[in-house]
Amino acid sequence: MTTSTLLIEGSFPELAEELAQYIDGLSEGAGIASSIEAELNQIREAESQESPDHAATQKPKDDVLKKIITKATILNAAPEREFSAAYNLLINLTLHSQMQEQFFARLCQYLSEQPVAPNSSYGPTLAISTLTTIFNVLPLASEARYHVFLAILKVIRSTNSAHAFEALVPQLEQNVPNWLSAWQLDEEDAESLHTTIADVAEAQGFPNLSYQYLLKALETIQPGSASEEGSQTLAKRTLITAFTNPSITDFTPLTASDAIQALRKSDSDLIELLEIFSSDDYASYTEFISEHSLTSLSIPDSASDALSTKIRLLTLASIAAASPTRSVAYSTIASSLQVPSEDVEMWVIDTIRAGLVEGKLSQQKQEFLVQRATYRVFGEKQWAEIQNRLMVWRRSLESVLTTVRSERERFAREGVNGFEQQTNGWDGQRRQGGRRQQQRQEVDTGAD
C-alpha cells in the first residue's frame, strides 16, 4: 500500500452536482426522499463572489460535502458495475475538503459496518478495494490512514475474506513498523493495531502470525500500564496462546514482558506453568497438572494432549542442551519423558522435526548423539552452563597444549643427544682412519 493519485476530470461544483444527482436517483429507486440540489447553489454563489478569503470559499464546499456524505450510505446499494466509479468520485470530492479526515472516517464506517453491493458476491472485494483507494490517496504521515487500515481489517474479518488477507500478509512485516513511525500512534492505538491484526490472522487460519502480533502488542505496554485490566487480559491471552500453539517453543519474550510478569498477582498459577515450560521438565508438569485443572487456568481441556506433547519435547531438548558429553542415553530419555524405551526414537525424531535439536540416533549404543540443542529461555542458568562448558573446553585445550609442549621438549632433547652421538661417532671414525693411514705410511717407509 503506497500513496497514489486519483484523477477525475471536472470542477468541484460539476462533480458534486453529478454525484448529488446520482445519489438522488439511487434514493428515489429505494423509496427514500433525497435532494441535495439546494446545497449546490451555495457553492455557485461562493465561487461567483470570488472571495479572496479562502476560508469563506471553503465553507460552502464543506457544507455540501457534509450533505452528500450524510446521504452517501445509499452508494453501498449501487449496482456492482457503478459502485467503484461512484465512490471514487466521492473520494475525489472529499480530498478538496479541509475536513477530509472526518469525512473519510464516515466513509470507512459505511464500508466496514454496512452491507456493500448486497446483490453481488463481490461486495467484500468492492469494499476492500474502495478502502484501499482511500488509504492510498491519503498522505503517508496522515493518522487517518490508521483508521482506514483498521476498517480494511474489519471487513476482512467480518466477511472472512481469506484471499484478501493472504494478499495483505506480505506487506505487514515490511510496512507496519514504518506506518507506526509515520503515524506517531500513542500506546493505546499501537496496541489496538497489533491486536486487530492478531485477531484477523487467527480468524483466517494464521496462528503463528497471530501470536507474533500479540507479542508486538505486549511490547507496546509500558511498565506503568502493565497491571491495568486491558494489559492483563492481553497478557493472559498471549500466554495461553503460547501454551496451546504446538509450534511455539521460545518463551524468552514472555518471561521478559512486564505485562506477563504482572500476572503474578492475579494469575500466579499461569506464571508457575510458564516457568515449567520455560525451564522445567515433564515430571514437574505432571505434578502441576495433578494439582491444577486446565479449565481453572482458562485453558481448554482439549489442549491437554498438545501441552503434554510440547513439554516432553522441551524436556528432551533441555536434556540434550545440558549434556556435557553431547550424548544422551535412551534410558535417560525414557525416564525423563516417562515413555517406554521403544518409543524413545520416535520422541527424538519429533523433537528434531520441531527444530529443537539436531543429532544422530545410535541404535547400537542406545544413545542420541547431540549436534545442536535449543534453549527454551536464555538466562543466568544458561550462561552458567555455557561457562562450565567453556571451562571444560579450556582445560582440554590446556591439557593438549601441555602434551604438545612436553613432546616438543622431549624431541628437542632426543635430537641433541642423537646429534652428539653422531658427531662423536664421526670423530672416532676419523681418528681411526688417520691411524690406519699412518701405519700404511710407516710400512711403506720400512719397505724402501
Protein backbone atom coordinates (compact mmCIF):
# COMPACT_ATOMS: atom_id res chain seq x y z
CA MET A 1 0.00 0.00 0.00
CA THR A 2 1.55 3.25 -1.17
CA THR A 3 0.27 6.71 -1.90
CA SER A 4 -1.41 7.24 -5.27
CA THR A 5 -3.26 9.96 -7.15
CA LEU A 6 -6.92 9.78 -8.13
CA LEU A 7 -7.52 11.65 -11.39
CA ILE A 8 -11.09 12.71 -12.19
CA GLU A 9 -11.85 15.50 -14.64
CA GLY A 10 -14.24 18.30 -13.77
CA SER A 11 -14.64 21.18 -11.33
CA PHE A 12 -15.81 20.66 -7.80
CA PRO A 13 -19.33 22.08 -8.47
CA GLU A 14 -19.77 19.95 -11.58
CA LEU A 15 -18.65 16.75 -9.90
CA ALA A 16 -20.67 17.49 -6.76
CA GLU A 17 -23.80 18.06 -8.84
CA GLU A 18 -23.21 14.86 -10.79
CA LEU A 19 -22.80 12.83 -7.61
CA ALA A 20 -25.79 14.51 -5.95
CA GLN A 21 -27.98 13.60 -8.90
CA TYR A 22 -26.75 10.01 -8.78
CA ILE A 23 -27.44 9.76 -5.03
CA ASP A 24 -30.89 11.24 -5.50
CA GLY A 25 -31.57 8.68 -8.23
CA LEU A 26 -30.48 5.74 -6.07
CA SER A 27 -32.50 7.06 -3.13
CA GLU A 28 -35.60 7.51 -5.26
CA GLY A 29 -35.22 3.96 -6.56
CA ALA A 30 -35.04 2.74 -2.98
CA GLY A 31 -38.07 4.81 -1.96
CA ILE A 32 -36.01 7.30 0.07
CA ALA A 33 -36.56 11.04 -0.22
CA SER A 34 -33.33 12.87 -1.04
CA SER A 35 -32.39 16.22 -2.60
CA ILE A 36 -29.01 17.93 -2.47
CA GLU A 37 -29.64 20.43 -5.24
CA ALA A 38 -30.22 23.35 -2.88
CA GLU A 39 -26.79 22.89 -1.33
CA LEU A 40 -25.11 23.26 -4.70
CA ASN A 41 -26.35 26.83 -5.02
CA GLN A 42 -24.16 27.85 -2.10
CA ILE A 43 -21.07 26.71 -3.99
CA ARG A 44 -22.06 28.62 -7.10
CA GLU A 45 -22.66 31.76 -5.04
CA ALA A 46 -19.35 31.44 -3.21
CA GLU A 47 -17.42 30.97 -6.45
CA SER A 48 -19.22 33.84 -8.20
CA GLN A 49 -18.20 36.20 -5.40
CA GLU A 50 -14.53 35.24 -5.95
CA SER A 51 -13.79 35.98 -2.34
CA PRO A 52 -10.09 36.37 -1.54
CA ASP A 53 -10.79 34.74 1.80
CA HIS A 54 -10.02 31.05 1.25
CA ALA A 55 -11.84 30.02 4.43
CA ALA A 56 -15.02 31.75 3.24
CA THR A 57 -14.80 29.90 -0.09
CA GLN A 58 -14.03 26.59 1.58
CA LYS A 59 -17.00 26.59 3.94
CA PRO A 60 -19.71 26.08 1.27
CA LYS A 61 -17.73 23.13 -0.12
CA ASP A 62 -17.55 21.53 3.32
CA ASP A 63 -21.25 22.13 3.88
CA VAL A 64 -22.15 20.44 0.58
CA LEU A 65 -19.81 17.54 1.34
CA LYS A 66 -21.49 17.09 4.72
CA LYS A 67 -24.82 16.85 2.96
CA ILE A 68 -23.52 14.46 0.31
CA ILE A 69 -21.67 12.18 2.76
CA THR A 70 -24.69 12.08 5.08
CA LYS A 71 -26.68 10.61 2.19
CA ALA A 72 -23.77 8.62 0.70
CA THR A 73 -24.65 5.44 2.58
CA ILE A 74 -27.02 4.72 -0.33
CA LEU A 75 -23.95 4.20 -2.52
CA ASN A 76 -23.47 0.81 -0.87
CA ALA A 77 -26.58 -0.30 -2.76
CA ALA A 78 -25.25 0.85 -6.12
CA PRO A 79 -25.01 -1.75 -8.91
CA GLU A 80 -21.69 -3.58 -8.94
CA ARG A 81 -20.56 -2.00 -12.23
CA GLU A 82 -21.22 1.53 -10.90
CA PHE A 83 -20.07 1.12 -7.29
CA SER A 84 -16.36 1.87 -7.67
CA ALA A 85 -16.90 4.83 -10.02
CA ALA A 86 -19.39 6.45 -7.63
CA TYR A 87 -17.15 6.02 -4.59
CA ASN A 88 -14.07 7.21 -6.48
CA LEU A 89 -15.97 10.39 -7.36
CA LEU A 90 -16.88 10.88 -3.69
CA ILE A 91 -13.28 10.26 -2.62
CA ASN A 92 -12.08 12.86 -5.11
CA LEU A 93 -14.55 15.44 -3.78
CA THR A 94 -13.53 14.68 -0.18
CA LEU A 95 -9.90 15.40 -1.00
CA HIS A 96 -10.91 19.05 -1.65
CA SER A 97 -12.09 19.44 1.94
CA GLN A 98 -10.21 20.66 4.97
CA MET A 99 -12.30 18.16 6.94
CA GLN A 100 -11.27 15.18 4.85
CA GLU A 101 -10.18 13.07 7.83
CA GLN A 102 -13.61 13.36 9.45
CA PHE A 103 -15.34 12.67 6.14
CA PHE A 104 -13.16 9.66 5.35
CA ALA A 105 -13.86 8.29 8.82
CA ARG A 106 -17.58 8.34 7.99
CA LEU A 107 -16.97 6.59 4.67
CA CYS A 108 -14.95 3.91 6.48
CA GLN A 109 -17.97 3.29 8.71
CA TYR A 110 -20.21 2.88 5.68
CA LEU A 111 -17.85 0.43 4.00
CA SER A 112 -16.91 -1.64 7.06
CA GLU A 113 -20.13 -1.71 9.06
CA GLN A 114 -22.86 -1.88 6.40
CA PRO A 115 -23.52 -4.35 3.55
CA VAL A 116 -21.87 -3.44 0.26
CA ALA A 117 -23.46 -4.38 -3.08
CA PRO A 118 -25.80 -6.82 -1.32
CA ASN A 119 -26.94 -8.33 -4.61
CA SER A 120 -23.37 -9.18 -5.61
CA SER A 121 -20.99 -11.85 -4.35
CA TYR A 122 -18.16 -9.32 -4.79
CA GLY A 123 -19.40 -6.98 -2.07
CA PRO A 124 -16.45 -7.57 0.33
CA THR A 125 -13.98 -7.20 -2.53
CA LEU A 126 -15.55 -3.90 -3.58
CA ALA A 127 -15.48 -2.60 -0.01
CA ILE A 128 -11.82 -3.56 0.50
CA SER A 129 -10.85 -2.11 -2.88
CA THR A 130 -12.53 1.21 -2.08
CA LEU A 131 -10.99 1.38 1.39
CA THR A 132 -7.60 0.65 -0.16
CA THR A 133 -8.13 3.57 -2.55
CA ILE A 134 -8.86 5.86 0.38
CA PHE A 135 -5.76 4.58 2.19
CA ASN A 136 -3.55 5.21 -0.83
CA VAL A 137 -4.74 8.75 -1.61
CA LEU A 138 -4.03 9.92 1.93
CA PRO A 139 -0.55 11.30 2.77
CA LEU A 140 1.91 8.81 4.24
CA ALA A 141 2.01 10.56 7.60
CA SER A 142 -1.76 11.03 7.89
CA GLU A 143 -3.14 9.42 11.03
CA ALA A 144 -6.38 8.90 9.09
CA ARG A 145 -4.59 6.04 7.37
CA TYR A 146 -4.62 4.22 10.72
CA HIS A 147 -8.41 4.27 10.89
CA VAL A 148 -8.75 3.27 7.23
CA PHE A 149 -6.43 0.31 7.78
CA LEU A 150 -8.45 -0.83 10.80
CA ALA A 151 -11.57 -0.63 8.61
CA ILE A 152 -9.91 -2.84 5.99
CA LEU A 153 -9.07 -5.42 8.66
CA LYS A 154 -12.61 -5.22 10.00
CA VAL A 155 -14.07 -6.01 6.59
CA ILE A 156 -11.68 -8.92 6.09
CA ARG A 157 -12.64 -10.39 9.45
CA SER A 158 -16.40 -9.83 9.21
CA THR A 159 -16.62 -11.21 5.66
CA ASN A 160 -14.00 -13.94 6.09
CA SER A 161 -12.07 -12.68 3.05
CA ALA A 162 -9.20 -15.15 3.20
CA HIS A 163 -7.77 -14.18 -0.18
CA ALA A 164 -7.68 -10.51 0.78
CA PHE A 165 -5.78 -11.27 3.97
CA GLU A 166 -3.33 -13.57 2.19
CA ALA A 167 -2.56 -10.71 -0.19
CA LEU A 168 -2.06 -8.39 2.78
CA VAL A 169 0.27 -10.66 4.80
CA PRO A 170 3.48 -9.99 2.79
CA GLN A 171 3.06 -6.25 3.37
CA LEU A 172 2.58 -6.44 7.12
CA GLU A 173 6.15 -7.17 8.17
CA GLN A 174 7.56 -4.61 5.77
CA ASN A 175 5.09 -1.77 6.29
CA VAL A 176 3.60 -1.89 9.79
CA PRO A 177 6.77 -0.63 11.54
CA ASN A 178 7.01 2.24 9.03
CA TRP A 179 3.35 3.09 9.49
CA LEU A 180 3.69 3.17 13.27
CA SER A 181 6.59 5.57 12.93
CA ALA A 182 4.81 7.78 10.38
CA TRP A 183 1.50 7.92 12.23
CA GLN A 184 3.11 8.52 15.63
CA LEU A 185 0.47 6.48 17.41
CA ASP A 186 0.17 6.52 21.16
CA GLU A 187 0.49 3.35 23.23
CA GLU A 188 -3.21 2.51 23.15
CA ASP A 189 -3.61 2.90 19.37
CA ALA A 190 -0.42 0.93 18.65
CA GLU A 191 -1.66 -1.89 20.86
CA SER A 192 -5.05 -1.79 19.14
CA LEU A 193 -3.43 -2.05 15.71
CA HIS A 194 -1.39 -5.10 16.66
CA THR A 195 -4.23 -6.89 18.44
CA THR A 196 -6.56 -6.26 15.48
CA ILE A 197 -4.04 -7.82 13.11
CA ALA A 198 -3.69 -10.73 15.55
CA ASP A 199 -7.47 -11.20 15.67
CA VAL A 200 -7.79 -11.25 11.88
CA ALA A 201 -4.80 -13.56 11.47
CA GLU A 202 -6.28 -16.01 13.95
CA ALA A 203 -9.68 -15.92 12.25
CA GLN A 204 -8.07 -16.52 8.83
CA GLY A 205 -6.02 -19.50 9.99
CA PHE A 206 -2.62 -17.89 10.61
CA PRO A 207 -1.98 -18.86 14.29
CA ASN A 208 1.77 -18.17 14.24
CA LEU A 209 1.27 -14.73 12.70
CA SER A 210 -1.45 -14.03 15.25
CA TYR A 211 0.93 -14.90 18.11
CA GLN A 212 3.64 -12.73 16.58
CA TYR A 213 1.37 -9.67 16.68
CA LEU A 214 0.15 -10.46 20.18
CA LEU A 215 3.79 -10.25 21.25
CA LYS A 216 4.15 -6.94 19.42
CA ALA A 217 1.06 -5.67 21.22
CA LEU A 218 2.62 -6.67 24.55
CA GLU A 219 5.76 -4.74 23.65
CA THR A 220 3.75 -1.51 23.38
CA ILE A 221 2.65 -1.76 27.03
CA GLN A 222 4.71 0.45 29.31
CA PRO A 223 5.70 -0.81 32.80
CA GLY A 224 3.33 1.68 34.42
CA SER A 225 0.39 0.20 32.49
CA ALA A 226 1.31 -3.45 32.92
CA SER A 227 -1.15 -4.05 35.78
CA GLU A 228 -4.15 -2.43 34.09
CA GLU A 229 -7.09 -4.65 33.25
CA GLY A 230 -6.66 -4.39 29.48
CA SER A 231 -2.97 -5.20 29.72
CA GLN A 232 -3.64 -8.19 31.94
CA THR A 233 -6.28 -9.52 29.54
CA LEU A 234 -3.86 -9.28 26.63
CA ALA A 235 -1.04 -10.86 28.66
CA LYS A 236 -3.24 -13.78 29.67
CA ARG A 237 -4.41 -14.34 26.11
CA THR A 238 -0.85 -14.28 24.78
CA LEU A 239 0.35 -16.69 27.45
CA ILE A 240 -2.42 -19.21 26.79
CA THR A 241 -1.77 -18.94 23.05
CA ALA A 242 1.91 -19.77 23.66
CA PHE A 243 0.95 -22.85 25.68
CA THR A 244 -1.58 -24.23 23.20
CA ASN A 245 0.22 -23.48 19.92
CA PRO A 246 2.38 -26.56 19.16
CA SER A 247 4.95 -24.58 17.16
CA ILE A 248 5.78 -22.06 19.90
CA THR A 249 8.77 -23.24 21.92
CA ASP A 250 10.63 -19.99 22.64
CA PHE A 251 9.34 -18.46 25.87
CA THR A 252 12.00 -15.78 26.30
CA PRO A 253 9.77 -12.92 25.02
CA LEU A 254 7.11 -13.90 27.56
CA THR A 255 9.42 -14.08 30.55
CA ALA A 256 10.78 -10.64 29.63
CA SER A 257 7.35 -8.98 29.37
CA ASP A 258 6.27 -6.60 32.16
CA ALA A 259 2.61 -7.35 31.49
CA ILE A 260 3.22 -11.11 31.75
CA GLN A 261 5.15 -10.73 35.00
CA ALA A 262 2.35 -8.58 36.39
CA LEU A 263 0.14 -11.70 36.23
CA ARG A 264 1.95 -13.00 39.32
CA LYS A 265 -0.55 -11.10 41.45
CA SER A 266 -3.75 -12.08 39.63
CA ASP A 267 -2.89 -15.39 37.91
CA SER A 268 0.09 -16.88 39.73
CA ASP A 269 -0.76 -20.40 38.53
CA LEU A 270 -0.29 -19.32 34.91
CA ILE A 271 3.11 -17.89 35.79
CA GLU A 272 4.03 -21.15 37.50
CA LEU A 273 3.06 -23.03 34.35
CA LEU A 274 5.14 -20.59 32.29
CA GLU A 275 8.16 -21.30 34.48
CA ILE A 276 7.66 -25.03 33.95
CA PHE A 277 7.51 -24.62 30.17
CA SER A 278 10.44 -22.22 30.27
CA SER A 279 12.94 -24.25 32.26
CA ASP A 280 11.45 -27.29 33.99
CA ASP A 281 10.67 -30.85 32.91
CA TYR A 282 7.85 -33.25 32.25
CA ALA A 283 7.83 -34.55 35.82
CA SER A 284 7.20 -31.03 37.15
CA TYR A 285 4.42 -30.58 34.60
CA THR A 286 2.62 -33.77 35.63
CA GLU A 287 2.88 -32.75 39.27
CA PHE A 288 1.44 -29.32 38.44
CA ILE A 289 -1.44 -30.81 36.43
CA SER A 290 -2.31 -33.15 39.27
CA GLU A 291 -2.96 -30.09 41.42
CA HIS A 292 -4.48 -27.71 38.84
CA SER A 293 -7.06 -28.28 36.14
CA LEU A 294 -6.55 -26.66 32.74
CA THR A 295 -10.02 -25.13 32.81
CA SER A 296 -9.16 -23.30 36.03
CA LEU A 297 -6.39 -21.62 34.02
CA SER A 298 -8.78 -20.74 31.17
CA ILE A 299 -7.09 -23.37 29.00
CA PRO A 300 -9.49 -25.76 27.23
CA ASP A 301 -9.25 -29.43 28.20
CA SER A 302 -8.94 -30.24 24.51
CA ALA A 303 -5.42 -28.75 24.65
CA SER A 304 -4.26 -31.32 27.21
CA ASP A 305 -2.54 -33.63 24.69
CA ALA A 306 -0.86 -30.70 22.94
CA LEU A 307 0.58 -29.38 26.20
CA SER A 308 1.76 -32.82 27.27
CA THR A 309 3.49 -33.39 23.94
CA LYS A 310 5.13 -29.98 23.96
CA ILE A 311 6.58 -30.27 27.47
CA ARG A 312 8.02 -33.68 26.58
CA LEU A 313 9.74 -32.24 23.50
CA LEU A 314 11.04 -29.32 25.54
CA THR A 315 12.29 -31.66 28.26
CA LEU A 316 14.23 -33.70 25.71
CA ALA A 317 15.71 -30.51 24.25
CA SER A 318 16.85 -29.40 27.70
CA ILE A 319 18.44 -32.80 28.39
CA ALA A 320 20.33 -32.57 25.11
CA ALA A 321 21.42 -28.99 25.78
CA ALA A 322 22.65 -29.82 29.27
CA SER A 323 24.59 -32.95 28.33
CA PRO A 324 28.32 -32.27 28.84
CA THR A 325 29.31 -35.23 26.65
CA ARG A 326 26.87 -34.38 23.84
CA SER A 327 25.50 -37.88 24.18
CA VAL A 328 22.22 -38.87 25.86
CA ALA A 329 21.36 -42.48 26.68
CA TYR A 330 18.00 -43.89 25.60
CA SER A 331 17.34 -44.87 29.20
CA THR A 332 17.76 -41.25 30.34
CA ILE A 333 15.29 -40.02 27.73
CA ALA A 334 12.74 -42.73 28.55
CA SER A 335 12.95 -41.95 32.27
CA SER A 336 12.70 -38.17 31.85
CA LEU A 337 9.81 -38.31 29.39
CA GLN A 338 8.10 -41.21 31.20
CA VAL A 339 7.70 -43.18 27.99
CA PRO A 340 8.53 -46.80 27.05
CA SER A 341 12.06 -47.42 25.78
CA GLU A 342 10.74 -48.49 22.38
CA ASP A 343 9.18 -45.01 21.94
CA VAL A 344 12.39 -43.07 22.59
CA GLU A 345 13.46 -42.85 18.95
CA MET A 346 10.00 -41.58 17.95
CA TRP A 347 10.22 -38.78 20.52
CA VAL A 348 13.73 -37.85 19.41
CA ILE A 349 12.57 -37.67 15.78
CA ASP A 350 9.60 -35.49 16.77
CA THR A 351 11.95 -33.18 18.69
CA ILE A 352 14.21 -32.91 15.66
CA ARG A 353 11.20 -32.11 13.46
CA ALA A 354 10.23 -29.37 15.90
CA GLY A 355 13.63 -27.78 15.30
CA LEU A 356 14.68 -28.10 18.93
CA VAL A 357 17.62 -30.45 18.44
CA GLU A 358 19.85 -31.91 15.76
CA GLY A 359 21.79 -35.14 16.03
CA LYS A 360 22.02 -38.83 15.23
CA LEU A 361 20.46 -41.90 16.79
CA SER A 362 22.71 -44.82 17.57
CA GLN A 363 20.69 -48.00 17.98
CA GLN A 364 23.84 -49.99 18.59
CA LYS A 365 24.96 -47.82 21.52
CA GLN A 366 21.39 -46.95 22.54
CA GLU A 367 22.17 -43.24 22.67
CA PHE A 368 21.34 -39.95 20.97
CA LEU A 369 24.41 -38.09 19.71
CA VAL A 370 23.64 -34.38 20.04
CA GLN A 371 24.92 -31.94 17.39
CA ARG A 372 22.78 -28.95 18.36
CA ALA A 373 20.18 -28.20 21.02
CA THR A 374 17.90 -25.20 21.58
CA TYR A 375 17.34 -23.50 24.94
CA ARG A 376 13.76 -22.63 25.83
CA VAL A 377 14.90 -19.43 27.51
CA PHE A 378 18.35 -17.96 27.77
CA GLY A 379 19.14 -16.53 31.18
CA GLU A 380 21.62 -16.84 34.04
CA LYS A 381 21.31 -20.62 34.22
CA GLN A 382 22.10 -21.00 30.54
CA TRP A 383 25.03 -18.60 30.77
CA ALA A 384 26.35 -20.69 33.67
CA GLU A 385 26.09 -23.85 31.57
CA ILE A 386 27.99 -22.19 28.73
CA GLN A 387 30.63 -21.01 31.19
CA ASN A 388 31.04 -24.55 32.52
CA ARG A 389 31.40 -25.92 29.00
CA LEU A 390 33.95 -23.27 28.12
CA MET A 391 35.90 -24.17 31.24
CA VAL A 392 35.85 -27.85 30.24
CA TRP A 393 36.97 -26.89 26.76
CA ARG A 394 39.70 -24.67 28.21
CA ARG A 395 41.01 -27.47 30.44
CA SER A 396 41.01 -29.81 27.46
CA LEU A 397 42.97 -27.29 25.40
CA GLU A 398 45.39 -26.73 28.28
CA SER A 399 45.92 -30.49 28.51
CA VAL A 400 46.55 -30.70 24.78
CA LEU A 401 48.93 -27.74 24.97
CA THR A 402 50.82 -29.33 27.89
CA THR A 403 51.18 -32.56 25.93
CA VAL A 404 52.42 -30.71 22.85
CA ARG A 405 54.99 -28.78 24.89
CA SER A 406 56.18 -31.97 26.58
CA GLU A 407 56.61 -33.70 23.24
CA ARG A 408 58.46 -30.74 21.80
CA GLU A 409 60.87 -30.71 24.75
CA ARG A 410 61.41 -34.49 24.50
CA PHE A 411 62.00 -34.24 20.80
CA ALA A 412 64.48 -31.40 21.35
CA ARG A 413 66.38 -33.40 23.98
CA GLU A 414 66.47 -36.57 21.92
CA GLY A 415 67.51 -34.59 18.89
CA VAL A 416 70.53 -33.01 20.66
CA ASN A 417 71.68 -36.34 22.18
CA GLY A 418 71.38 -38.06 18.85
CA PHE A 419 73.36 -35.34 17.15
CA GLU A 420 76.13 -35.56 19.78
CA GLN A 421 76.30 -39.33 19.38
CA GLN A 422 76.56 -38.99 15.63
CA THR A 423 79.27 -36.33 15.98
CA ASN A 424 81.30 -38.48 18.38
CA GLY A 425 80.98 -41.39 16.01
CA TRP A 426 82.25 -39.35 13.12
CA ASP A 427 85.27 -38.10 15.18
CA GLY A 428 86.21 -41.65 16.24
CA GLN A 429 86.00 -42.91 12.70
CA ARG A 430 88.17 -40.00 11.55
CA ARG A 431 90.85 -40.69 14.20
CA GLN A 432 90.83 -44.41 13.47
CA GLY A 433 91.19 -43.72 9.77
CA GLY A 434 94.17 -41.39 10.48
CA ARG A 435 95.95 -44.11 12.44
CA ARG A 436 95.50 -46.63 9.64
CA GLN A 437 96.89 -44.16 7.13
CA GLN A 438 99.93 -43.51 9.38
CA GLN A 439 100.54 -47.25 9.77
CA ARG A 440 100.45 -47.70 5.99
CA GLN A 441 102.95 -44.89 5.60
CA GLU A 442 105.29 -46.49 8.16
CA VAL A 443 105.06 -49.86 6.41
CA ASP A 444 105.78 -48.26 3.07
CA THR A 445 108.83 -46.46 4.52
CA GLY A 446 110.23 -49.65 6.03
CA ALA A 447 109.84 -51.44 2.74
CA ASP A 448 112.02 -48.92 0.99
